[in-house]
PDB file of N, CA and C in Angstrom:
ATOM      1  N   UNK A   1       4.331  45.381  44.829  1.00  0.00           N
ATOM      2  CA  UNK A   1       4.579  44.653  46.001  1.00  0.00           C
ATOM      3  C   UNK A   1       3.422  43.737  46.280  1.00  0.00           C
ATOM      4  N   UNK A   2       3.682  42.540  46.700  1.00  0.00           N
ATOM      5  CA  UNK A   2       2.605  41.529  47.130  1.00  0.00           C
ATOM      6  C   UNK A   2       2.943  41.055  48.529  1.00  0.00           C
ATOM      7  N   UNK A   3       1.911  41.130  49.387  1.00  0.00           N
ATOM      8  CA  UNK A   3       2.043  40.738  50.765  1.00  0.00           C
ATOM      9  C   UNK A   3       1.251  39.499  51.108  1.00  0.00           C
ATOM     10  N   UNK A   4       1.903  38.603  51.658  1.00  0.00           N
ATOM     11  CA  UNK A   4       1.214  37.374  52.335  1.00  0.00           C
ATOM     12  C   UNK A   4       0.210  36.640  51.424  1.00  0.00           C
ATOM     13  N   UNK A   5       0.621  36.485  50.114  1.00  0.00           N
ATOM     14  CA  UNK A   5      -0.205  35.714  49.182  1.00  0.00           C
ATOM     15  C   UNK A   5       0.221  34.279  48.978  1.00  0.00           C
ATOM     16  N   UNK A   6       1.540  34.174  48.762  1.00  0.00           N
ATOM     17  CA  UNK A   6       2.020  32.732  48.544  1.00  0.00           C
ATOM     18  C   UNK A   6       1.843  31.784  49.738  1.00  0.00           C
ATOM     19  N   UNK A   7       1.857  32.326  50.899  1.00  0.00           N
ATOM     20  CA  UNK A   7       1.785  31.319  51.942  1.00  0.00           C
ATOM     21  C   UNK A   7       0.376  30.942  52.211  1.00  0.00           C
ATOM     22  N   UNK A   8      -0.621  31.397  51.429  1.00  0.00           N
ATOM     23  CA  UNK A   8      -2.088  30.752  51.580  1.00  0.00           C
ATOM     24  C   UNK A   8      -2.413  29.993  50.301  1.00  0.00           C
ATOM     25  N   UNK A   9      -1.565  30.045  49.195  1.00  0.00           N
ATOM     26  CA  UNK A   9      -2.045  29.415  47.925  1.00  0.00           C
ATOM     27  C   UNK A   9      -1.357  28.074  47.789  1.00  0.00           C
ATOM     28  N   UNK A  10      -2.069  27.162  47.028  1.00  0.00           N
ATOM     29  CA  UNK A  10      -1.342  25.928  46.844  1.00  0.00           C
ATOM     30  C   UNK A  10      -0.047  26.141  46.027  1.00  0.00           C
ATOM     31  N   UNK A  11       0.881  25.317  46.193  1.00  0.00           N
ATOM     32  CA  UNK A  11       2.265  25.509  45.547  1.00  0.00           C
ATOM     33  C   UNK A  11       2.100  25.407  43.992  1.00  0.00           C
ATOM     34  N   UNK A  12       1.154  24.760  43.488  1.00  0.00           N
ATOM     35  CA  UNK A  12       1.007  24.592  42.131  1.00  0.00           C
ATOM     36  C   UNK A  12       0.546  25.880  41.399  1.00  0.00           C
ATOM     37  N   UNK A  13      -0.010  26.763  42.245  1.00  0.00           N
ATOM     38  CA  UNK A  13      -0.406  28.078  41.681  1.00  0.00           C
ATOM     39  C   UNK A  13       0.656  29.158  41.629  1.00  0.00           C
ATOM     40  N   UNK A  14       1.803  29.004  42.292  1.00  0.00           N
ATOM     41  CA  UNK A  14       2.937  29.873  42.491  1.00  0.00           C
ATOM     42  C   UNK A  14       3.467  30.355  41.161  1.00  0.00           C
ATOM     43  N   UNK A  15       3.894  29.377  40.279  1.00  0.00           N
ATOM     44  CA  UNK A  15       4.427  29.779  38.958  1.00  0.00           C
ATOM     45  C   UNK A  15       3.509  30.532  38.050  1.00  0.00           C
ATOM     46  N   UNK A  16       2.177  30.091  37.948  1.00  0.00           N
ATOM     47  CA  UNK A  16       1.231  30.812  37.008  1.00  0.00           C
ATOM     48  C   UNK A  16       1.033  32.258  37.647  1.00  0.00           C
ATOM     49  N   UNK A  17       0.914  32.443  38.938  1.00  0.00           N
ATOM     50  CA  UNK A  17       0.819  33.837  39.387  1.00  0.00           C
ATOM     51  C   UNK A  17       1.989  34.656  39.253  1.00  0.00           C
ATOM     52  N   UNK A  18       3.138  34.104  39.551  1.00  0.00           N
ATOM     53  CA  UNK A  18       4.405  34.805  39.456  1.00  0.00           C
ATOM     54  C   UNK A  18       4.687  35.185  37.925  1.00  0.00           C
ATOM     55  N   UNK A  19       4.344  34.171  36.994  1.00  0.00           N
ATOM     56  CA  UNK A  19       4.518  34.580  35.675  1.00  0.00           C
ATOM     57  C   UNK A  19       3.601  35.865  35.174  1.00  0.00           C
ATOM     58  N   UNK A  20       2.454  35.873  35.716  1.00  0.00           N
ATOM     59  CA  UNK A  20       1.561  36.994  35.368  1.00  0.00           C
ATOM     60  C   UNK A  20       2.263  38.379  35.952  1.00  0.00           C
ATOM     61  N   UNK A  21       2.737  38.306  37.183  1.00  0.00           N
ATOM     62  CA  UNK A  21       3.459  39.402  37.760  1.00  0.00           C
ATOM     63  C   UNK A  21       4.487  39.900  36.792  1.00  0.00           C
ATOM     64  N   UNK A  22       5.298  38.782  36.349  1.00  0.00           N
ATOM     65  CA  UNK A  22       6.601  39.105  35.446  1.00  0.00           C
ATOM     66  C   UNK A  22       6.110  39.595  34.228  1.00  0.00           C
ATOM     67  N   UNK A  23       5.012  39.111  33.714  1.00  0.00           N
ATOM     68  CA  UNK A  23       4.497  39.678  32.315  1.00  0.00           C
ATOM     69  C   UNK A  23       4.178  41.271  32.444  1.00  0.00           C
ATOM     70  N   UNK A  24       3.588  41.643  33.571  1.00  0.00           N
ATOM     71  CA  UNK A  24       3.283  43.102  33.538  1.00  0.00           C
ATOM     72  C   UNK A  24       4.440  43.981  33.985  1.00  0.00           C
ATOM     73  N   UNK A  25       5.546  43.452  34.249  1.00  0.00           N
ATOM     74  CA  UNK A  25       6.701  44.205  34.666  1.00  0.00           C
ATOM     75  C   UNK A  25       7.423  44.543  33.440  1.00  0.00           C
ATOM     76  N   UNK A  26       7.965  45.791  33.351  1.00  0.00           N
ATOM     77  CA  UNK A  26       8.972  46.120  32.197  1.00  0.00           C
ATOM     78  C   UNK A  26      10.281  45.325  32.469  1.00  0.00           C
ATOM     79  N   UNK A  27      11.156  45.347  31.422  1.00  0.00           N
ATOM     80  CA  UNK A  27      12.472  44.742  31.724  1.00  0.00           C
ATOM     81  C   UNK A  27      13.292  45.535  32.752  1.00  0.00           C
ATOM     82  N   UNK A  28      13.773  44.942  33.754  1.00  0.00           N
ATOM     83  CA  UNK A  28      14.492  45.573  34.747  1.00  0.00           C
ATOM     84  C   UNK A  28      13.527  46.004  35.919  1.00  0.00           C
ATOM     85  N   UNK A  29      12.306  45.768  35.754  1.00  0.00           N
ATOM     86  CA  UNK A  29      11.279  45.987  36.782  1.00  0.00           C
ATOM     87  C   UNK A  29      11.469  45.055  38.008  1.00  0.00           C
ATOM     88  N   UNK A  30      11.160  45.552  39.209  1.00  0.00           N
ATOM     89  CA  UNK A  30      11.434  44.896  40.458  1.00  0.00           C
ATOM     90  C   UNK A  30       9.948  44.343  41.043  1.00  0.00           C
ATOM     91  N   UNK A  31      10.137  43.104  41.549  1.00  0.00           N
ATOM     92  CA  UNK A  31       9.060  42.453  42.195  1.00  0.00           C
ATOM     93  C   UNK A  31       9.450  42.324  43.694  1.00  0.00           C
ATOM     94  N   UNK A  32       8.554  42.637  44.623  1.00  0.00           N
ATOM     95  CA  UNK A  32       8.746  42.574  46.103  1.00  0.00           C
ATOM     96  C   UNK A  32       7.606  41.720  46.633  1.00  0.00           C
ATOM     97  N   UNK A  33       8.077  40.597  47.272  1.00  0.00           N
ATOM     98  CA  UNK A  33       7.166  39.710  48.023  1.00  0.00           C
ATOM     99  C   UNK A  33       7.392  39.648  49.423  1.00  0.00           C
ATOM    100  N   UNK A  34       6.482  39.803  50.158  1.00  0.00           N
ATOM    101  CA  UNK A  34       6.514  39.555  51.597  1.00  0.00           C
ATOM    102  C   UNK A  34       5.565  38.435  51.958  1.00  0.00           C
ATOM    103  N   UNK A  35       6.106  37.446  52.608  1.00  0.00           N
ATOM    104  CA  UNK A  35       5.330  36.420  52.951  1.00  0.00           C
ATOM    105  C   UNK A  35       5.798  35.525  54.209  1.00  0.00           C
ATOM    106  N   UNK A  36       5.001  34.771  54.849  1.00  0.00           N
ATOM    107  CA  UNK A  36       5.344  33.882  55.897  1.00  0.00           C
ATOM    108  C   UNK A  36       6.450  33.005  55.390  1.00  0.00           C
ATOM    109  N   UNK A  37       7.463  32.706  56.043  1.00  0.00           N
ATOM    110  CA  UNK A  37       8.576  31.878  55.614  1.00  0.00           C
ATOM    111  C   UNK A  37       9.021  30.863  56.589  1.00  0.00           C
ATOM    112  N   UNK A  38       9.998  30.046  56.184  1.00  0.00           N
ATOM    113  CA  UNK A  38      10.511  28.921  57.081  1.00  0.00           C
ATOM    114  C   UNK A  38      11.170  29.633  58.167  1.00  0.00           C
ATOM    115  N   UNK A  39      11.087  29.208  59.377  1.00  0.00           N
ATOM    116  CA  UNK A  39      11.700  29.715  60.624  1.00  0.00           C
ATOM    117  C   UNK A  39      13.246  29.503  60.538  1.00  0.00           C
ATOM    118  N   UNK A  40      13.878  30.495  60.955  1.00  0.00           N
ATOM    119  CA  UNK A  40      15.398  30.411  61.108  1.00  0.00           C
ATOM    120  C   UNK A  40      15.887  30.082  62.330  1.00  0.00           C
ATOM    121  N   UNK A  41      15.079  30.356  63.321  1.00  0.00           N
ATOM    122  CA  UNK A  41      15.415  30.046  64.788  1.00  0.00           C
ATOM    123  C   UNK A  41      14.391  29.178  65.482  1.00  0.00           C
ATOM    124  N   UNK A  42      14.672  28.714  66.561  1.00  0.00           N
ATOM    125  CA  UNK A  42      13.651  27.849  67.210  1.00  0.00           C
ATOM    126  C   UNK A  42      12.312  28.270  67.520  1.00  0.00           C
ATOM    127  N   UNK A  43      12.354  29.629  67.889  1.00  0.00           N
ATOM    128  CA  UNK A  43      11.048  30.424  68.195  1.00  0.00           C
ATOM    129  C   UNK A  43      10.237  30.341  66.961  1.00  0.00           C
ATOM    130  N   UNK A  44      10.697  30.707  65.765  1.00  0.00           N
ATOM    131  CA  UNK A  44      10.085  30.840  64.457  1.00  0.00           C
ATOM    132  C   UNK A  44       9.442  29.523  64.105  1.00  0.00           C
ATOM    133  N   UNK A  45      10.116  28.498  64.465  1.00  0.00           N
ATOM    134  CA  UNK A  45       9.646  27.125  64.035  1.00  0.00           C
ATOM    135  C   UNK A  45       8.372  26.686  64.710  1.00  0.00           C
ATOM    136  N   UNK A  46       8.042  27.433  65.841  1.00  0.00           N
ATOM    137  CA  UNK A  46       6.774  27.088  66.465  1.00  0.00           C
ATOM    138  C   UNK A  46       5.593  27.195  65.439  1.00  0.00           C
ATOM    139  N   UNK A  47       5.616  28.215  64.623  1.00  0.00           N
ATOM    140  CA  UNK A  47       4.521  28.389  63.736  1.00  0.00           C
ATOM    141  C   UNK A  47       4.360  27.268  62.711  1.00  0.00           C
ATOM    142  N   UNK A  48       5.541  26.635  62.314  1.00  0.00           N
ATOM    143  CA  UNK A  48       5.473  25.494  61.387  1.00  0.00           C
ATOM    144  C   UNK A  48       4.765  24.295  62.045  1.00  0.00           C
ATOM    145  N   UNK A  49       5.062  24.145  63.240  1.00  0.00           N
ATOM    146  CA  UNK A  49       4.504  22.908  64.103  1.00  0.00           C
ATOM    147  C   UNK A  49       3.087  23.270  64.345  1.00  0.00           C
ATOM    148  N   UNK A  50       2.704  24.512  64.594  1.00  0.00           N
ATOM    149  CA  UNK A  50       1.210  24.829  64.637  1.00  0.00           C
ATOM    150  C   UNK A  50       0.469  24.454  63.391  1.00  0.00           C
ATOM    151  N   UNK A  51       1.067  24.822  62.237  1.00  0.00           N
ATOM    152  CA  UNK A  51       0.555  24.588  60.982  1.00  0.00           C
ATOM    153  C   UNK A  51       0.379  23.092  60.746  1.00  0.00           C
ATOM    154  N   UNK A  52       1.411  22.303  61.007  1.00  0.00           N
ATOM    155  CA  UNK A  52       1.379  20.804  60.932  1.00  0.00           C
ATOM    156  C   UNK A  52       0.096  20.206  61.827  1.00  0.00           C
ATOM    157  N   UNK A  53      -0.133  20.782  63.039  1.00  0.00           N
ATOM    158  CA  UNK A  53      -1.157  20.204  63.794  1.00  0.00           C
ATOM    159  C   UNK A  53      -2.534  20.832  63.533  1.00  0.00           C
ATOM    160  N   UNK A  54      -2.629  22.033  63.209  1.00  0.00           N
ATOM    161  CA  UNK A  54      -3.913  22.696  62.985  1.00  0.00           C
ATOM    162  C   UNK A  54      -3.818  23.955  62.124  1.00  0.00           C
ATOM    163  N   UNK A  55      -3.764  23.702  60.810  1.00  0.00           N
ATOM    164  CA  UNK A  55      -3.663  24.810  59.862  1.00  0.00           C
ATOM    165  C   UNK A  55      -4.631  25.949  60.221  1.00  0.00           C
ATOM    166  N   UNK A  56      -5.870  25.768  60.506  1.00  0.00           N
ATOM    167  CA  UNK A  56      -6.868  26.841  60.663  1.00  0.00           C
ATOM    168  C   UNK A  56      -6.311  27.985  61.670  1.00  0.00           C
ATOM    169  N   UNK A  57      -5.679  27.496  62.679  1.00  0.00           N
ATOM    170  CA  UNK A  57      -5.016  28.364  63.659  1.00  0.00           C
ATOM    171  C   UNK A  57      -4.239  29.535  63.070  1.00  0.00           C
ATOM    172  N   UNK A  58      -3.623  29.200  61.959  1.00  0.00           N
ATOM    173  CA  UNK A  58      -2.924  30.273  61.240  1.00  0.00           C
ATOM    174  C   UNK A  58      -3.449  30.689  59.890  1.00  0.00           C
ATOM    175  N   UNK A  59      -4.810  30.570  59.914  1.00  0.00           N
ATOM    176  CA  UNK A  59      -5.619  30.837  58.713  1.00  0.00           C
ATOM    177  C   UNK A  59      -5.083  30.128  57.423  1.00  0.00           C
ATOM    178  N   UNK A  60      -4.543  28.955  57.627  1.00  0.00           N
ATOM    179  CA  UNK A  60      -4.082  28.128  56.542  1.00  0.00           C
ATOM    180  C   UNK A  60      -2.657  28.630  56.020  1.00  0.00           C
ATOM    181  N   UNK A  61      -2.166  29.629  56.576  1.00  0.00           N
ATOM    182  CA  UNK A  61      -0.743  30.030  56.139  1.00  0.00           C
ATOM    183  C   UNK A  61       0.362  29.090  56.685  1.00  0.00           C
ATOM    184  N   UNK A  62       1.352  28.934  55.664  1.00  0.00           N
ATOM    185  CA  UNK A  62       2.476  28.092  56.007  1.00  0.00           C
ATOM    186  C   UNK A  62       3.777  28.814  55.371  1.00  0.00           C
ATOM    187  N   UNK A  63       4.809  28.509  55.939  1.00  0.00           N
ATOM    188  CA  UNK A  63       6.193  29.079  55.633  1.00  0.00           C
ATOM    189  C   UNK A  63       6.521  28.685  54.101  1.00  0.00           C
ATOM    190  N   UNK A  64       6.864  29.602  53.345  1.00  0.00           N
ATOM    191  CA  UNK A  64       7.437  29.313  51.958  1.00  0.00           C
ATOM    192  C   UNK A  64       8.749  30.157  51.710  1.00  0.00           C
ATOM    193  N   UNK A  65       9.410  29.679  50.800  1.00  0.00           N
ATOM    194  CA  UNK A  65      10.619  30.382  50.267  1.00  0.00           C
ATOM    195  C   UNK A  65      10.371  30.807  48.921  1.00  0.00           C
ATOM    196  N   UNK A  66      10.290  32.060  48.685  1.00  0.00           N
ATOM    197  CA  UNK A  66       9.835  32.652  47.270  1.00  0.00           C
ATOM    198  C   UNK A  66      11.010  32.640  46.349  1.00  0.00           C
ATOM    199  N   UNK A  67      12.147  32.795  46.729  1.00  0.00           N
ATOM    200  CA  UNK A  67      13.177  33.069  45.776  1.00  0.00           C
ATOM    201  C   UNK A  67      13.500  31.979  44.734  1.00  0.00           C
ATOM    202  N   UNK A  68      13.368  30.705  45.062  1.00  0.00           N
ATOM    203  CA  UNK A  68      13.576  29.626  44.170  1.00  0.00           C
ATOM    204  C   UNK A  68      12.530  29.718  43.036  1.00  0.00           C
ATOM    205  N   UNK A  69      11.246  30.094  43.354  1.00  0.00           N
ATOM    206  CA  UNK A  69      10.275  30.248  42.325  1.00  0.00           C
ATOM    207  C   UNK A  69      10.550  31.523  41.391  1.00  0.00           C
ATOM    208  N   UNK A  70      10.877  32.438  41.971  1.00  0.00           N
ATOM    209  CA  UNK A  70      11.325  33.798  41.137  1.00  0.00           C
ATOM    210  C   UNK A  70      12.471  33.411  40.219  1.00  0.00           C
ATOM    211  N   UNK A  71      13.420  32.679  40.741  1.00  0.00           N
ATOM    212  CA  UNK A  71      14.715  32.306  39.910  1.00  0.00           C
ATOM    213  C   UNK A  71      14.145  31.382  38.838  1.00  0.00           C
ATOM    214  N   UNK A  72      13.318  30.505  39.025  1.00  0.00           N
ATOM    215  CA  UNK A  72      12.879  29.534  38.108  1.00  0.00           C
ATOM    216  C   UNK A  72      12.182  30.185  36.778  1.00  0.00           C
ATOM    217  N   UNK A  73      11.600  31.401  37.068  1.00  0.00           N
ATOM    218  CA  UNK A  73      10.846  32.052  35.926  1.00  0.00           C
ATOM    219  C   UNK A  73      11.676  33.290  35.475  1.00  0.00           C
ATOM    220  N   UNK A  74      12.969  33.321  35.847  1.00  0.00           N
ATOM    221  CA  UNK A  74      13.861  34.424  35.238  1.00  0.00           C
ATOM    222  C   UNK A  74      14.087  35.689  35.884  1.00  0.00           C
ATOM    223  N   UNK A  75      13.729  35.765  37.177  1.00  0.00           N
ATOM    224  CA  UNK A  75      14.117  36.912  37.921  1.00  0.00           C
ATOM    225  C   UNK A  75      15.608  36.689  38.462  1.00  0.00           C
ATOM    226  N   UNK A  76      16.218  37.936  38.739  1.00  0.00           N
ATOM    227  CA  UNK A  76      17.729  37.817  39.216  1.00  0.00           C
ATOM    228  C   UNK A  76      17.926  38.931  40.213  1.00  0.00           C
ATOM    229  N   UNK A  77      19.024  39.127  40.533  1.00  0.00           N
ATOM    230  CA  UNK A  77      19.523  40.277  41.549  1.00  0.00           C
ATOM    231  C   UNK A  77      18.717  40.114  42.770  1.00  0.00           C
ATOM    232  N   UNK A  78      18.723  39.103  43.440  1.00  0.00           N
ATOM    233  CA  UNK A  78      17.852  38.942  44.550  1.00  0.00           C
ATOM    234  C   UNK A  78      18.292  39.645  45.802  1.00  0.00           C
ATOM    235  N   UNK A  79      17.398  40.024  46.711  1.00  0.00           N
ATOM    236  CA  UNK A  79      17.774  40.492  48.016  1.00  0.00           C
ATOM    237  C   UNK A  79      16.666  39.865  48.933  1.00  0.00           C
ATOM    238  N   UNK A  80      17.089  39.392  49.995  1.00  0.00           N
ATOM    239  CA  UNK A  80      16.108  38.716  50.985  1.00  0.00           C
ATOM    240  C   UNK A  80      16.434  39.266  52.344  1.00  0.00           C
ATOM    241  N   UNK A  81      15.373  39.500  53.030  1.00  0.00           N
ATOM    242  CA  UNK A  81      15.551  39.955  54.418  1.00  0.00           C
ATOM    243  C   UNK A  81      14.565  39.188  55.179  1.00  0.00           C
ATOM    244  N   UNK A  82      15.081  38.540  56.409  1.00  0.00           N
ATOM    245  CA  UNK A  82      14.297  37.707  57.344  1.00  0.00           C
ATOM    246  C   UNK A  82      13.802  38.692  58.360  1.00  0.00           C
ATOM    247  N   UNK A  83      12.571  38.610  58.702  1.00  0.00           N
ATOM    248  CA  UNK A  83      11.982  39.493  59.709  1.00  0.00           C
ATOM    249  C   UNK A  83      11.151  38.511  60.624  1.00  0.00           C
ATOM    250  N   UNK A  84      11.198  38.901  62.045  1.00  0.00           N
ATOM    251  CA  UNK A  84      10.517  38.097  62.980  1.00  0.00           C
ATOM    252  C   UNK A  84       9.959  38.968  63.950  1.00  0.00           C
ATOM    253  N   UNK A  85       8.486  38.933  64.117  1.00  0.00           N
ATOM    254  CA  UNK A  85       7.729  39.758  64.843  1.00  0.00           C
ATOM    255  C   UNK A  85       6.968  38.884  65.830  1.00  0.00           C
ATOM    256  N   UNK A  86       7.326  38.789  67.198  1.00  0.00           N
ATOM    257  CA  UNK A  86       6.822  37.989  68.204  1.00  0.00           C
ATOM    258  C   UNK A  86       7.034  36.545  67.572  1.00  0.00           C
ATOM    259  N   UNK A  87       8.167  36.240  67.002  1.00  0.00           N
ATOM    260  CA  UNK A  87       8.384  34.834  66.640  1.00  0.00           C
ATOM    261  C   UNK A  87       7.827  34.528  65.236  1.00  0.00           C
ATOM    262  N   UNK A  88       6.861  35.338  64.761  1.00  0.00           N
ATOM    263  CA  UNK A  88       6.324  35.021  63.414  1.00  0.00           C
ATOM    264  C   UNK A  88       7.380  35.260  62.350  1.00  0.00           C
ATOM    265  N   UNK A  89       7.677  34.224  61.542  1.00  0.00           N
ATOM    266  CA  UNK A  89       8.726  34.431  60.434  1.00  0.00           C
ATOM    267  C   UNK A  89       8.243  34.871  59.184  1.00  0.00           C
ATOM    268  N   UNK A  90       8.879  35.990  58.767  1.00  0.00           N
ATOM    269  CA  UNK A  90       8.510  36.588  57.447  1.00  0.00           C
ATOM    270  C   UNK A  90       9.657  36.777  56.661  1.00  0.00           C
ATOM    271  N   UNK A  91       9.559  36.918  55.464  1.00  0.00           N
ATOM    272  CA  UNK A  91      10.758  37.263  54.508  1.00  0.00           C
ATOM    273  C   UNK A  91      10.133  38.343  53.578  1.00  0.00           C
ATOM    274  N   UNK A  92      11.023  39.216  53.151  1.00  0.00           N
ATOM    275  CA  UNK A  92      10.847  40.151  52.064  1.00  0.00           C
ATOM    276  C   UNK A  92      11.916  39.863  51.025  1.00  0.00           C
ATOM    277  N   UNK A  93      11.344  39.536  49.881  1.00  0.00           N
ATOM    278  CA  UNK A  93      12.232  39.071  48.827  1.00  0.00           C
ATOM    279  C   UNK A  93      12.050  40.047  47.604  1.00  0.00           C
ATOM    280  N   UNK A  94      13.124  40.581  47.049  1.00  0.00           N
ATOM    281  CA  UNK A  94      13.082  41.446  45.842  1.00  0.00           C
ATOM    282  C   UNK A  94      13.918  40.662  44.739  1.00  0.00           C
ATOM    283  N   UNK A  95      13.323  40.792  43.555  1.00  0.00           N
ATOM    284  CA  UNK A  95      14.032  40.226  42.375  1.00  0.00           C
ATOM    285  C   UNK A  95      13.710  41.330  41.262  1.00  0.00           C
ATOM    286  N   UNK A  96      14.677  41.223  40.172  1.00  0.00           N
ATOM    287  CA  UNK A  96      14.613  41.985  39.036  1.00  0.00           C
ATOM    288  C   UNK A  96      14.255  41.280  37.992  1.00  0.00           C
ATOM    289  N   UNK A  97      13.367  41.634  37.089  1.00  0.00           N
ATOM    290  CA  UNK A  97      12.982  40.902  35.870  1.00  0.00           C
ATOM    291  C   UNK A  97      14.228  41.088  34.793  1.00  0.00           C
ATOM    292  N   UNK A  98      14.583  39.962  34.286  1.00  0.00           N
ATOM    293  CA  UNK A  98      15.665  39.857  33.326  1.00  0.00           C
ATOM    294  C   UNK A  98      16.995  40.165  34.034  1.00  0.00           C
ATOM    295  N   UNK A  99      17.829  40.889  33.237  1.00  0.00           N
ATOM    296  CA  UNK A  99      19.237  41.174  33.752  1.00  0.00           C
ATOM    297  C   UNK A  99      19.330  42.711  34.101  1.00  0.00           C
ATOM    298  N   UNK A 100      18.199  43.386  34.190  1.00  0.00           N
ATOM    299  CA  UNK A 100      18.158  44.871  34.394  1.00  0.00           C
ATOM    300  C   UNK A 100      18.995  45.185  35.663  1.00  0.00           C
ATOM    301  N   UNK A 101      19.374  46.358  35.855  1.00  0.00           N
ATOM    302  CA  UNK A 101      19.967  46.829  37.098  1.00  0.00           C
ATOM    303  C   UNK A 101      19.021  47.791  37.960  1.00  0.00           C
ATOM    304  N   UNK A 102      19.227  47.696  39.146  1.00  0.00           N
ATOM    305  CA  UNK A 102      18.389  48.654  40.049  1.00  0.00           C
ATOM    306  C   UNK A 102      19.345  49.095  41.075  1.00  0.00           C
TER     307      UNK A 102
END
């Protein structure tokens, strides 16, 4: 499991890092990522506006959607859950390496 890493990294680093996670997983292994995500409701979108105006207020974190990157490198069988705590938008995404079943 990885928590709140993608939202602080440059987008160009996502694939190399996720490929390394994939490399160390056995076929059918699961990856679980928790990160700040794009807001689904107006309250959640406040954080995106704060990031646009002054990123240091959010420690440089911004909303990302992890599933498209996982799909690009061969993960499948996705599950995604949106979580909001005091309006802070997070997602928990699970993917399976290859076509293994879980």
